[in-house]
Amino acid sequence: MQLLFCKKEVKERIRAFIAKEDLPKDTVIHGMGWNQDYFTDERRLLTKDDLDEVNKEYPIIMERACGHILTANSKALSLAGITKDTIAVAGGEIDHD
């Protein structure tokens, strides 16, 4: 596993994967292993907007290295039925904006 040291690199890797694989539009892109603590550009969690910059046609879900945090783009959130009004399940949390 190669560590990714900036958000820009994470985004570039997702773009390259989508371009290389020529996937059907209903394919969920699920990546994992990123950790904002190692980012050299901005030490913050990935956001929906970061993933929307990459691609809005494919549902993209990026799982943090710990496995406790997922970030999804607008397409993935829409398919999951998650809106700004969605309430998290007991024991869970949804960060809006």
N, C-alpha and C. Protein backbone atom coordinates (compact mmCIF):
# COMPACT_ATOMS: atom_id res chain seq x y z
N MET A 1 0.84 -1.18 0.00
CA MET A 1 0.00 0.00 0.00
C MET A 1 0.88 1.24 0.00
N GLN A 2 0.60 2.15 -0.88
CA GLN A 2 1.36 3.38 -0.97
C GLN A 2 0.61 4.49 -0.24
N LEU A 3 1.33 5.23 0.60
CA LEU A 3 0.72 6.36 1.29
C LEU A 3 0.54 7.51 0.33
N LEU A 4 -0.58 8.18 0.44
CA LEU A 4 -0.85 9.37 -0.36
C LEU A 4 -0.70 10.57 0.55
N PHE A 5 0.09 11.55 0.13
CA PHE A 5 0.47 12.63 1.02
C PHE A 5 -0.25 13.94 0.79
N CYS A 6 -1.22 13.96 -0.09
CA CYS A 6 -2.00 15.19 -0.25
C CYS A 6 -3.34 14.88 -0.90
N LYS A 7 -4.30 15.76 -0.65
CA LYS A 7 -5.63 15.60 -1.23
C LYS A 7 -5.55 15.57 -2.75
N LYS A 8 -4.70 16.40 -3.30
CA LYS A 8 -4.55 16.47 -4.76
C LYS A 8 -4.19 15.09 -5.32
N GLU A 9 -3.30 14.39 -4.65
CA GLU A 9 -2.89 13.07 -5.11
C GLU A 9 -4.03 12.06 -5.02
N VAL A 10 -4.82 12.15 -3.96
CA VAL A 10 -5.99 11.27 -3.82
C VAL A 10 -6.93 11.49 -5.01
N LYS A 11 -7.21 12.74 -5.30
CA LYS A 11 -8.12 13.08 -6.40
C LYS A 11 -7.56 12.59 -7.74
N GLU A 12 -6.26 12.80 -7.95
CA GLU A 12 -5.65 12.36 -9.21
C GLU A 12 -5.73 10.85 -9.37
N ARG A 13 -5.54 10.12 -8.28
CA ARG A 13 -5.62 8.66 -8.33
C ARG A 13 -7.02 8.19 -8.70
N ILE A 14 -8.04 8.84 -8.13
CA ILE A 14 -9.43 8.46 -8.46
C ILE A 14 -9.71 8.75 -9.92
N ARG A 15 -9.33 9.94 -10.38
CA ARG A 15 -9.53 10.30 -11.80
C ARG A 15 -8.85 9.30 -12.73
N ALA A 16 -7.62 8.94 -12.41
CA ALA A 16 -6.86 8.01 -13.24
C ALA A 16 -7.53 6.64 -13.26
N PHE A 17 -8.03 6.19 -12.12
CA PHE A 17 -8.69 4.90 -12.05
C PHE A 17 -9.93 4.88 -12.93
N ILE A 18 -10.74 5.92 -12.83
CA ILE A 18 -11.96 6.00 -13.64
C ILE A 18 -11.61 6.02 -15.13
N ALA A 19 -10.63 6.81 -15.50
CA ALA A 19 -10.24 6.90 -16.91
C ALA A 19 -9.68 5.57 -17.43
N LYS A 20 -8.90 4.89 -16.64
CA LYS A 20 -8.25 3.65 -17.07
C LYS A 20 -9.25 2.50 -17.19
N GLU A 21 -10.18 2.42 -16.28
CA GLU A 21 -11.05 1.25 -16.19
C GLU A 21 -12.25 1.28 -17.12
N ASP A 22 -12.67 2.44 -17.63
CA ASP A 22 -13.82 2.54 -18.51
C ASP A 22 -15.02 1.79 -17.94
N LEU A 23 -15.43 2.22 -16.76
CA LEU A 23 -16.47 1.54 -15.99
C LEU A 23 -17.88 1.95 -16.40
N PRO A 24 -18.85 1.04 -16.26
CA PRO A 24 -20.25 1.44 -16.47
C PRO A 24 -20.63 2.53 -15.47
N LYS A 25 -21.53 3.42 -15.86
CA LYS A 25 -21.87 4.58 -15.03
C LYS A 25 -22.50 4.23 -13.68
N ASP A 26 -23.00 3.01 -13.51
CA ASP A 26 -23.60 2.65 -12.22
C ASP A 26 -22.58 2.01 -11.27
N THR A 27 -21.31 1.98 -11.66
CA THR A 27 -20.27 1.38 -10.84
C THR A 27 -19.92 2.30 -9.67
N VAL A 28 -19.92 1.76 -8.47
CA VAL A 28 -19.52 2.52 -7.29
C VAL A 28 -18.00 2.46 -7.19
N ILE A 29 -17.38 3.63 -7.06
CA ILE A 29 -15.94 3.71 -6.86
C ILE A 29 -15.71 3.77 -5.35
N HIS A 30 -15.05 2.75 -4.81
CA HIS A 30 -14.79 2.68 -3.37
C HIS A 30 -13.29 2.60 -3.15
N GLY A 31 -12.74 3.66 -2.58
CA GLY A 31 -11.32 3.69 -2.25
C GLY A 31 -11.16 3.70 -0.75
N MET A 32 -9.96 3.35 -0.32
CA MET A 32 -9.74 3.32 1.13
C MET A 32 -8.27 3.57 1.46
N GLY A 33 -8.03 3.94 2.71
CA GLY A 33 -6.67 4.06 3.20
C GLY A 33 -6.12 5.47 3.31
N TRP A 34 -6.88 6.49 2.97
CA TRP A 34 -6.36 7.85 3.08
C TRP A 34 -6.39 8.29 4.55
N ASN A 35 -5.49 9.21 4.87
CA ASN A 35 -5.41 9.73 6.24
C ASN A 35 -4.97 11.18 6.17
N GLN A 36 -5.88 12.08 6.51
CA GLN A 36 -5.58 13.51 6.41
C GLN A 36 -4.43 13.94 7.33
N ASP A 37 -4.12 13.14 8.34
CA ASP A 37 -3.00 13.48 9.23
C ASP A 37 -1.67 13.48 8.49
N TYR A 38 -1.59 12.77 7.36
CA TYR A 38 -0.37 12.70 6.57
C TYR A 38 -0.38 13.64 5.37
N PHE A 39 -1.49 14.32 5.13
CA PHE A 39 -1.56 15.23 4.00
C PHE A 39 -0.60 16.41 4.22
N THR A 40 0.08 16.79 3.18
CA THR A 40 1.01 17.92 3.27
C THR A 40 0.39 19.22 2.74
N ASP A 41 -0.74 19.11 2.05
CA ASP A 41 -1.37 20.33 1.53
C ASP A 41 -2.38 20.90 2.54
N GLU A 42 -3.38 20.15 2.85
CA GLU A 42 -4.38 20.57 3.84
C GLU A 42 -4.67 19.39 4.74
N ARG A 43 -4.51 19.54 6.01
CA ARG A 43 -4.78 18.44 6.94
C ARG A 43 -6.23 18.53 7.40
N ARG A 44 -7.10 18.13 6.49
CA ARG A 44 -8.53 18.07 6.81
C ARG A 44 -9.11 16.86 6.11
N LEU A 45 -10.27 16.45 6.59
CA LEU A 45 -10.95 15.31 5.99
C LEU A 45 -11.35 15.64 4.55
N LEU A 46 -11.42 14.62 3.72
CA LEU A 46 -11.99 14.80 2.39
C LEU A 46 -13.46 15.17 2.55
N THR A 47 -13.98 15.93 1.62
CA THR A 47 -15.38 16.33 1.67
C THR A 47 -16.12 15.89 0.41
N LYS A 48 -17.43 16.03 0.47
CA LYS A 48 -18.27 15.78 -0.71
C LYS A 48 -17.80 16.65 -1.87
N ASP A 49 -17.49 17.89 -1.58
CA ASP A 49 -17.05 18.82 -2.64
C ASP A 49 -15.73 18.37 -3.26
N ASP A 50 -14.81 17.84 -2.44
CA ASP A 50 -13.55 17.32 -2.99
C ASP A 50 -13.84 16.21 -4.00
N LEU A 51 -14.73 15.30 -3.63
CA LEU A 51 -15.03 14.16 -4.50
C LEU A 51 -15.89 14.58 -5.69
N ASP A 52 -16.75 15.58 -5.52
CA ASP A 52 -17.51 16.11 -6.65
C ASP A 52 -16.59 16.75 -7.69
N GLU A 53 -15.49 17.35 -7.24
CA GLU A 53 -14.50 17.91 -8.17
C GLU A 53 -13.92 16.82 -9.06
N VAL A 54 -13.79 15.63 -8.52
CA VAL A 54 -13.22 14.52 -9.27
C VAL A 54 -14.19 14.04 -10.33
N ASN A 55 -15.43 13.75 -9.90
CA ASN A 55 -16.42 13.22 -10.84
C ASN A 55 -17.79 13.22 -10.17
N LYS A 56 -18.79 13.67 -10.90
CA LYS A 56 -20.16 13.67 -10.39
C LYS A 56 -21.03 12.60 -11.03
N GLU A 57 -20.50 11.89 -12.02
CA GLU A 57 -21.29 10.87 -12.72
C GLU A 57 -21.24 9.52 -12.02
N TYR A 58 -20.10 9.20 -11.42
CA TYR A 58 -19.96 7.93 -10.70
C TYR A 58 -20.16 8.18 -9.21
N PRO A 59 -20.81 7.25 -8.51
CA PRO A 59 -20.85 7.36 -7.05
C PRO A 59 -19.46 7.01 -6.50
N ILE A 60 -18.90 7.93 -5.71
CA ILE A 60 -17.57 7.73 -5.15
C ILE A 60 -17.65 7.73 -3.63
N ILE A 61 -17.07 6.71 -3.03
CA ILE A 61 -17.01 6.60 -1.58
C ILE A 61 -15.54 6.36 -1.21
N MET A 62 -15.02 7.22 -0.36
CA MET A 62 -13.64 7.07 0.09
C MET A 62 -13.63 6.81 1.60
N GLU A 63 -13.03 5.71 1.97
CA GLU A 63 -12.99 5.27 3.37
C GLU A 63 -11.64 5.64 3.98
N ARG A 64 -11.68 6.32 5.12
CA ARG A 64 -10.44 6.71 5.81
C ARG A 64 -9.73 5.46 6.31
N ALA A 65 -8.44 5.55 6.55
CA ALA A 65 -7.62 4.41 6.96
C ALA A 65 -8.17 3.69 8.20
N CYS A 66 -8.79 4.42 9.11
CA CYS A 66 -9.31 3.83 10.34
C CYS A 66 -10.56 2.99 10.10
N GLY A 67 -11.24 3.22 8.98
CA GLY A 67 -12.47 2.50 8.68
C GLY A 67 -13.69 3.06 9.38
N HIS A 68 -13.54 4.14 10.13
CA HIS A 68 -14.66 4.73 10.86
C HIS A 68 -15.27 5.95 10.17
N ILE A 69 -14.63 6.41 9.11
CA ILE A 69 -15.10 7.61 8.42
C ILE A 69 -15.17 7.32 6.92
N LEU A 70 -16.30 7.65 6.33
CA LEU A 70 -16.48 7.57 4.88
C LEU A 70 -16.82 8.96 4.38
N THR A 71 -16.30 9.29 3.22
CA THR A 71 -16.70 10.51 2.54
C THR A 71 -17.27 10.09 1.19
N ALA A 72 -18.39 10.69 0.83
CA ALA A 72 -19.06 10.32 -0.42
C ALA A 72 -19.33 11.57 -1.25
N ASN A 73 -19.36 11.39 -2.57
CA ASN A 73 -19.72 12.51 -3.43
C ASN A 73 -21.25 12.61 -3.52
N SER A 74 -21.71 13.65 -4.21
CA SER A 74 -23.15 13.90 -4.32
C SER A 74 -23.91 12.72 -4.91
N LYS A 75 -23.34 12.08 -5.92
CA LYS A 75 -24.01 10.95 -6.58
C LYS A 75 -24.21 9.80 -5.59
N ALA A 76 -23.19 9.47 -4.82
CA ALA A 76 -23.30 8.38 -3.84
C ALA A 76 -24.30 8.73 -2.75
N LEU A 77 -24.27 9.97 -2.29
CA LEU A 77 -25.22 10.40 -1.26
C LEU A 77 -26.66 10.32 -1.77
N SER A 78 -26.86 10.75 -3.00
CA SER A 78 -28.19 10.71 -3.60
C SER A 78 -28.70 9.27 -3.71
N LEU A 79 -27.85 8.37 -4.20
CA LEU A 79 -28.26 6.97 -4.34
C LEU A 79 -28.55 6.33 -2.98
N ALA A 80 -27.87 6.80 -1.94
CA ALA A 80 -28.09 6.27 -0.60
C ALA A 80 -29.29 6.93 0.09
N GLY A 81 -29.85 7.95 -0.55
CA GLY A 81 -31.00 8.64 0.02
C GLY A 81 -30.62 9.58 1.16
N ILE A 82 -29.36 9.99 1.22
CA ILE A 82 -28.90 10.88 2.29
C ILE A 82 -29.03 12.32 1.81
N THR A 83 -29.76 13.11 2.58
CA THR A 83 -29.95 14.53 2.28
C THR A 83 -29.50 15.35 3.48
N LYS A 84 -29.63 16.67 3.36
CA LYS A 84 -29.25 17.55 4.48
C LYS A 84 -30.15 17.32 5.69
N ASP A 85 -31.30 16.70 5.47
CA ASP A 85 -32.24 16.45 6.56
C ASP A 85 -32.15 15.05 7.15
N THR A 86 -31.29 14.20 6.59
CA THR A 86 -31.16 12.83 7.07
C THR A 86 -30.57 12.82 8.48
N ILE A 87 -31.19 12.05 9.34
CA ILE A 87 -30.72 11.89 10.71
C ILE A 87 -29.94 10.57 10.79
N ALA A 88 -28.79 10.62 11.44
CA ALA A 88 -27.94 9.43 11.56
C ALA A 88 -28.61 8.36 12.42
N VAL A 89 -28.26 7.12 12.14
CA VAL A 89 -28.75 6.02 12.97
C VAL A 89 -28.11 6.10 14.35
N ALA A 90 -28.70 5.44 15.32
CA ALA A 90 -28.16 5.43 16.68
C ALA A 90 -26.71 4.96 16.66
N GLY A 91 -25.85 5.73 17.29
CA GLY A 91 -24.44 5.38 17.34
C GLY A 91 -23.63 5.88 16.15
N GLY A 92 -24.32 6.43 15.15
CA GLY A 92 -23.63 6.92 13.96
C GLY A 92 -23.65 8.44 13.92
N GLU A 93 -23.04 8.98 12.91
CA GLU A 93 -23.00 10.42 12.75
C GLU A 93 -22.91 10.76 11.27
N ILE A 94 -23.62 11.79 10.88
CA ILE A 94 -23.52 12.32 9.51
C ILE A 94 -23.15 13.79 9.64
N ASP A 95 -22.02 14.15 9.07
CA ASP A 95 -21.63 15.57 9.05
C ASP A 95 -22.24 16.20 7.80
N HIS A 96 -23.00 17.23 7.99
CA HIS A 96 -23.59 17.98 6.88
C HIS A 96 -22.81 19.27 6.72
N ASP A 97 -22.41 19.56 5.49
CA ASP A 97 -21.66 20.78 5.18
C ASP A 97 -20.39 20.86 6.02
